[in-house]
Amino acid sequence: MIVTVSLQENMVFIGKSASGIPVQMDSGESSGGTNSGVRPMEMIALGLAGCTAMDVLSILRKKRQDVTMFEVKVNAPRSSEFPKVFTSAVITYIVTGKDIEETAVLRAMELSANKYCPAQIMLGQVFPIDLHYEIYEEEENGQRLTHQGIWQEMTLK
């Protein structure tokens, strides 16, 4: 993979990859930026969330789960000292739909974590990543939480 970032002005960079879609990055004003773009470390966390989200949703669709809303949240605290790396992460999968099977969600999470998501597999070698899930049943008047928990590898083998 080849990517390029090109300086625009101040600390604003435009990043491009093989997809050709530009991404604007910037730093905060305290670092000489104008706060007009995503921070590079935010891009890493977004990449992790996007990578596993695409895997899990694709697997759930193949399992014919009726997913109507889907969200992945990543909470990745950083060290207080430079280089301020991520120290851990909690990925929470929020699945809403009709008759979503908990076993299908757990299996999709497992496959993403262990086989398909290169971002998760790579970053998991550097810091611990915990996987949480919430499953909501879509109802006429909103949603009802039906299952939640933490995925543990040993429970699925």
C-alpha atoms as a PDB file:
ATOM      1  CA  MET A   1       0.000   0.000   0.000  1.00  0.00           C
ATOM      2  CA  ILE A   2       1.274   3.429  -0.912  1.00  0.00           C
ATOM      3  CA  VAL A   3      -0.213   6.586   0.573  1.00  0.00           C
ATOM      4  CA  THR A   4       0.825  10.222   0.253  1.00  0.00           C
ATOM      5  CA  VAL A   5       0.246  13.240   2.453  1.00  0.00           C
ATOM      6  CA  SER A   6       0.807  16.674   0.957  1.00  0.00           C
ATOM      7  CA  LEU A   7       1.129  19.917   2.890  1.00  0.00           C
ATOM      8  CA  GLN A   8      -1.573  22.463   2.064  1.00  0.00           C
ATOM      9  CA  GLU A   9      -0.858  25.243   4.595  1.00  0.00           C
ATOM     10  CA  ASN A  10       0.040  25.588   8.270  1.00  0.00           C
ATOM     11  CA  MET A  11      -0.329  21.965   9.482  1.00  0.00           C
ATOM     12  CA  VAL A  12      -3.096  20.966   7.053  1.00  0.00           C
ATOM     13  CA  PHE A  13      -2.270  17.904   4.962  1.00  0.00           C
ATOM     14  CA  ILE A  14      -4.311  16.111   2.324  1.00  0.00           C
ATOM     15  CA  GLY A  15      -3.827  12.376   2.387  1.00  0.00           C
ATOM     16  CA  LYS A  16      -4.446  10.167  -0.640  1.00  0.00           C
ATOM     17  CA  SER A  17      -4.299   6.430  -1.110  1.00  0.00           C
ATOM     18  CA  ALA A  18      -4.998   4.064  -3.979  1.00  0.00           C
ATOM     19  CA  SER A  19      -8.738   4.727  -3.623  1.00  0.00           C
ATOM     20  CA  GLY A  20      -8.058   8.324  -4.668  1.00  0.00           C
ATOM     21  CA  ILE A  21     -10.385   9.748  -2.043  1.00  0.00           C
ATOM     22  CA  PRO A  22      -8.743  12.682  -0.234  1.00  0.00           C
ATOM     23  CA  VAL A  23      -8.675  12.933   3.543  1.00  0.00           C
ATOM     24  CA  GLN A  24      -7.871  16.202   5.269  1.00  0.00           C
ATOM     25  CA  MET A  25      -5.681  16.040   8.371  1.00  0.00           C
ATOM     26  CA  ASP A  26      -4.699  18.855  10.694  1.00  0.00           C
ATOM     27  CA  SER A  27      -3.485  19.502  14.213  1.00  0.00           C
ATOM     28  CA  GLY A  28      -4.898  21.718  16.902  1.00  0.00           C
ATOM     29  CA  GLU A  29      -4.101  25.384  17.152  1.00  0.00           C
ATOM     30  CA  SER A  30      -1.620  24.738  19.993  1.00  0.00           C
ATOM     31  CA  SER A  31       0.480  22.741  17.504  1.00  0.00           C
ATOM     32  CA  GLY A  32       0.319  25.260  14.669  1.00  0.00           C
ATOM     33  CA  GLY A  33      -2.792  23.848  13.033  1.00  0.00           C
ATOM     34  CA  THR A  34      -6.204  25.290  12.349  1.00  0.00           C
ATOM     35  CA  ASN A  35      -8.271  22.394  13.750  1.00  0.00           C
ATOM     36  CA  SER A  36      -9.725  21.738  10.297  1.00  0.00           C
ATOM     37  CA  GLY A  37      -9.104  18.042   9.887  1.00  0.00           C
ATOM     38  CA  VAL A  38      -8.834  14.644  11.489  1.00  0.00           C
ATOM     39  CA  ARG A  39      -5.764  14.001  13.636  1.00  0.00           C
ATOM     40  CA  PRO A  40      -3.457  11.175  12.494  1.00  0.00           C
ATOM     41  CA  MET A  41      -4.023   9.143  15.695  1.00  0.00           C
ATOM     42  CA  GLU A  42      -7.773   9.566  15.222  1.00  0.00           C
ATOM     43  CA  MET A  43      -7.294   8.092  11.745  1.00  0.00           C
ATOM     44  CA  ILE A  44      -5.724   4.989  13.302  1.00  0.00           C
ATOM     45  CA  ALA A  45      -8.664   4.556  15.682  1.00  0.00           C
ATOM     46  CA  LEU A  46     -11.114   5.216  12.830  1.00  0.00           C
ATOM     47  CA  GLY A  47      -9.286   2.653  10.720  1.00  0.00           C
ATOM     48  CA  LEU A  48      -9.618   0.071  13.487  1.00  0.00           C
ATOM     49  CA  ALA A  49     -13.332   0.798  13.915  1.00  0.00           C
ATOM     50  CA  GLY A  50     -14.013   0.815  10.179  1.00  0.00           C
ATOM     51  CA  CYS A  51     -12.051  -2.353   9.477  1.00  0.00           C
ATOM     52  CA  THR A  52     -13.819  -4.467  12.088  1.00  0.00           C
ATOM     53  CA  ALA A  53     -17.217  -2.849  11.381  1.00  0.00           C
ATOM     54  CA  MET A  54     -17.070  -3.830   7.719  1.00  0.00           C
ATOM     55  CA  ASP A  55     -16.088  -7.394   8.641  1.00  0.00           C
ATOM     56  CA  VAL A  56     -18.745  -7.891  11.289  1.00  0.00           C
ATOM     57  CA  LEU A  57     -21.566  -6.386   9.237  1.00  0.00           C
ATOM     58  CA  SER A  58     -20.592  -8.401   6.162  1.00  0.00           C
ATOM     59  CA  ILE A  59     -20.566 -11.624   8.198  1.00  0.00           C
ATOM     60  CA  LEU A  60     -23.901 -10.817   9.836  1.00  0.00           C
ATOM     61  CA  ARG A  61     -25.445 -10.187   6.408  1.00  0.00           C
ATOM     62  CA  LYS A  62     -24.068 -13.514   5.128  1.00  0.00           C
ATOM     63  CA  LYS A  63     -25.664 -15.142   8.163  1.00  0.00           C
ATOM     64  CA  ARG A  64     -28.941 -13.512   7.064  1.00  0.00           C
ATOM     65  CA  GLN A  65     -29.279 -11.420  10.211  1.00  0.00           C
ATOM     66  CA  ASP A  66     -31.819  -8.610   9.830  1.00  0.00           C
ATOM     67  CA  VAL A  67     -29.578  -5.720  10.906  1.00  0.00           C
ATOM     68  CA  THR A  68     -31.302  -2.339  10.680  1.00  0.00           C
ATOM     69  CA  MET A  69     -28.722  -0.219  12.522  1.00  0.00           C
ATOM     70  CA  PHE A  70     -25.085  -0.927  13.275  1.00  0.00           C
ATOM     71  CA  GLU A  71     -22.437   1.059  15.078  1.00  0.00           C
ATOM     72  CA  VAL A  72     -18.926   0.361  16.307  1.00  0.00           C
ATOM     73  CA  LYS A  73     -17.334   2.506  19.003  1.00  0.00           C
ATOM     74  CA  VAL A  74     -13.644   2.419  19.869  1.00  0.00           C
ATOM     75  CA  ASN A  75     -12.404   3.805  23.159  1.00  0.00           C
ATOM     76  CA  ALA A  76      -8.612   3.943  22.893  1.00  0.00           C
ATOM     77  CA  PRO A  77      -6.916   5.814  25.745  1.00  0.00           C
ATOM     78  CA  ARG A  78      -3.452   7.215  25.146  1.00  0.00           C
ATOM     79  CA  SER A  79      -0.469   7.476  27.435  1.00  0.00           C
ATOM     80  CA  SER A  80       0.064  10.865  29.040  1.00  0.00           C
ATOM     81  CA  GLU A  81       3.750  10.930  28.074  1.00  0.00           C
ATOM     82  CA  PHE A  82       5.224  11.246  24.603  1.00  0.00           C
ATOM     83  CA  PRO A  83       4.890   9.573  22.196  1.00  0.00           C
ATOM     84  CA  LYS A  84       1.319   9.304  23.587  1.00  0.00           C
ATOM     85  CA  VAL A  85       0.609   5.882  22.094  1.00  0.00           C
ATOM     86  CA  PHE A  86      -2.617   3.970  22.549  1.00  0.00           C
ATOM     87  CA  THR A  87      -2.395   1.884  25.723  1.00  0.00           C
ATOM     88  CA  SER A  88      -5.484  -0.281  25.191  1.00  0.00           C
ATOM     89  CA  ALA A  89      -8.782  -0.306  23.358  1.00  0.00           C
ATOM     90  CA  VAL A  90     -12.365  -1.337  23.953  1.00  0.00           C
ATOM     91  CA  ILE A  91     -14.369  -1.995  20.811  1.00  0.00           C
ATOM     92  CA  THR A  92     -18.138  -1.993  21.329  1.00  0.00           C
ATOM     93  CA  TYR A  93     -20.388  -3.412  18.610  1.00  0.00           C
ATOM     94  CA  ILE A  94     -23.961  -2.087  18.774  1.00  0.00           C
ATOM     95  CA  VAL A  95     -26.281  -4.188  16.634  1.00  0.00           C
ATOM     96  CA  THR A  96     -29.954  -3.378  16.187  1.00  0.00           C
ATOM     97  CA  GLY A  97     -32.429  -5.420  14.190  1.00  0.00           C
ATOM     98  CA  LYS A  98     -35.091  -8.069  14.223  1.00  0.00           C
ATOM     99  CA  ASP A  99     -34.359 -11.414  15.900  1.00  0.00           C
ATOM    100  CA  ILE A 100     -30.584 -10.905  15.874  1.00  0.00           C
ATOM    101  CA  GLU A 101     -28.890 -14.081  17.103  1.00  0.00           C
ATOM    102  CA  GLU A 102     -26.303 -13.520  19.831  1.00  0.00           C
ATOM    103  CA  THR A 103     -24.254 -16.479  18.562  1.00  0.00           C
ATOM    104  CA  ALA A 104     -24.084 -14.876  15.095  1.00  0.00           C
ATOM    105  CA  VAL A 105     -22.779 -11.612  16.547  1.00  0.00           C
ATOM    106  CA  LEU A 106     -20.201 -13.434  18.674  1.00  0.00           C
ATOM    107  CA  ARG A 107     -18.999 -15.502  15.725  1.00  0.00           C
ATOM    108  CA  ALA A 108     -18.721 -12.397  13.518  1.00  0.00           C
ATOM    109  CA  MET A 109     -16.698 -10.654  16.226  1.00  0.00           C
ATOM    110  CA  GLU A 110     -14.444 -13.698  16.566  1.00  0.00           C
ATOM    111  CA  LEU A 111     -13.793 -13.943  12.829  1.00  0.00           C
ATOM    112  CA  SER A 112     -13.002 -10.252  12.580  1.00  0.00           C
ATOM    113  CA  ALA A 113     -10.652 -10.381  15.593  1.00  0.00           C
ATOM    114  CA  ASN A 114      -8.806 -13.538  14.567  1.00  0.00           C
ATOM    115  CA  LYS A 115      -8.971 -13.788  10.798  1.00  0.00           C
ATOM    116  CA  TYR A 116     -10.226 -10.864   8.735  1.00  0.00           C
ATOM    117  CA  CYS A 117      -9.420  -7.453  10.257  1.00  0.00           C
ATOM    118  CA  PRO A 118      -5.737  -6.661   9.712  1.00  0.00           C
ATOM    119  CA  ALA A 119      -5.988  -3.453  11.747  1.00  0.00           C
ATOM    120  CA  GLN A 120      -7.355  -5.285  14.773  1.00  0.00           C
ATOM    121  CA  ILE A 121      -4.931  -8.183  14.471  1.00  0.00           C
ATOM    122  CA  MET A 122      -1.923  -5.863  14.045  1.00  0.00           C
ATOM    123  CA  LEU A 123      -2.866  -3.437  16.827  1.00  0.00           C
ATOM    124  CA  GLY A 124      -3.804  -6.329  19.118  1.00  0.00           C
ATOM    125  CA  GLN A 125      -0.145  -7.351  19.075  1.00  0.00           C
ATOM    126  CA  VAL A 126       0.809  -3.952  20.539  1.00  0.00           C
ATOM    127  CA  PHE A 127      -1.898  -3.309  23.171  1.00  0.00           C
ATOM    128  CA  PRO A 128      -4.848  -5.212  24.654  1.00  0.00           C
ATOM    129  CA  ILE A 129      -8.178  -4.944  22.857  1.00  0.00           C
ATOM    130  CA  ASP A 130     -11.414  -5.934  24.603  1.00  0.00           C
ATOM    131  CA  LEU A 131     -14.544  -6.644  22.581  1.00  0.00           C
ATOM    132  CA  HIS A 132     -17.965  -5.728  23.941  1.00  0.00           C
ATOM    133  CA  TYR A 133     -21.367  -6.032  22.317  1.00  0.00           C
ATOM    134  CA  GLU A 134     -24.933  -4.825  22.703  1.00  0.00           C
ATOM    135  CA  ILE A 135     -27.830  -6.304  20.744  1.00  0.00           C
ATOM    136  CA  TYR A 136     -31.113  -4.422  20.480  1.00  0.00           C
ATOM    137  CA  GLU A 137     -34.439  -5.663  19.202  1.00  0.00           C
ATOM    138  CA  GLU A 138     -36.120  -3.102  16.976  1.00  0.00           C
ATOM    139  CA  GLU A 139     -39.689  -2.530  18.076  1.00  0.00           C
ATOM    140  CA  GLU A 140     -42.502  -0.192  17.026  1.00  0.00           C
ATOM    141  CA  ASN A 141     -41.770   2.238  19.854  1.00  0.00           C
ATOM    142  CA  GLY A 142     -37.986   2.086  19.753  1.00  0.00           C
ATOM    143  CA  GLN A 143     -35.434  -0.509  20.769  1.00  0.00           C
ATOM    144  CA  ARG A 144     -35.083  -3.032  23.568  1.00  0.00           C
ATOM    145  CA  LEU A 145     -31.733  -4.352  24.771  1.00  0.00           C
ATOM    146  CA  THR A 146     -31.778  -8.133  24.469  1.00  0.00           C
ATOM    147  CA  HIS A 147     -28.127  -9.146  24.951  1.00  0.00           C
ATOM    148  CA  GLN A 148     -24.875  -7.552  26.005  1.00  0.00           C
ATOM    149  CA  GLY A 149     -21.527  -8.837  27.088  1.00  0.00           C
ATOM    150  CA  ILE A 150     -17.843  -9.199  26.501  1.00  0.00           C
ATOM    151  CA  TRP A 151     -16.493 -11.583  23.896  1.00  0.00           C
ATOM    152  CA  GLN A 152     -13.976 -14.027  25.277  1.00  0.00           C
ATOM    153  CA  GLU A 153     -12.058 -16.187  22.870  1.00  0.00           C
ATOM    154  CA  MET A 154     -12.077 -19.275  25.061  1.00  0.00           C
ATOM    155  CA  THR A 155     -15.894 -19.401  25.168  1.00  0.00           C
ATOM    156  CA  LEU A 156     -16.224 -19.971  21.425  1.00  0.00           C
ATOM    157  CA  LYS A 157     -13.625 -22.700  20.846  1.00  0.00           C
END
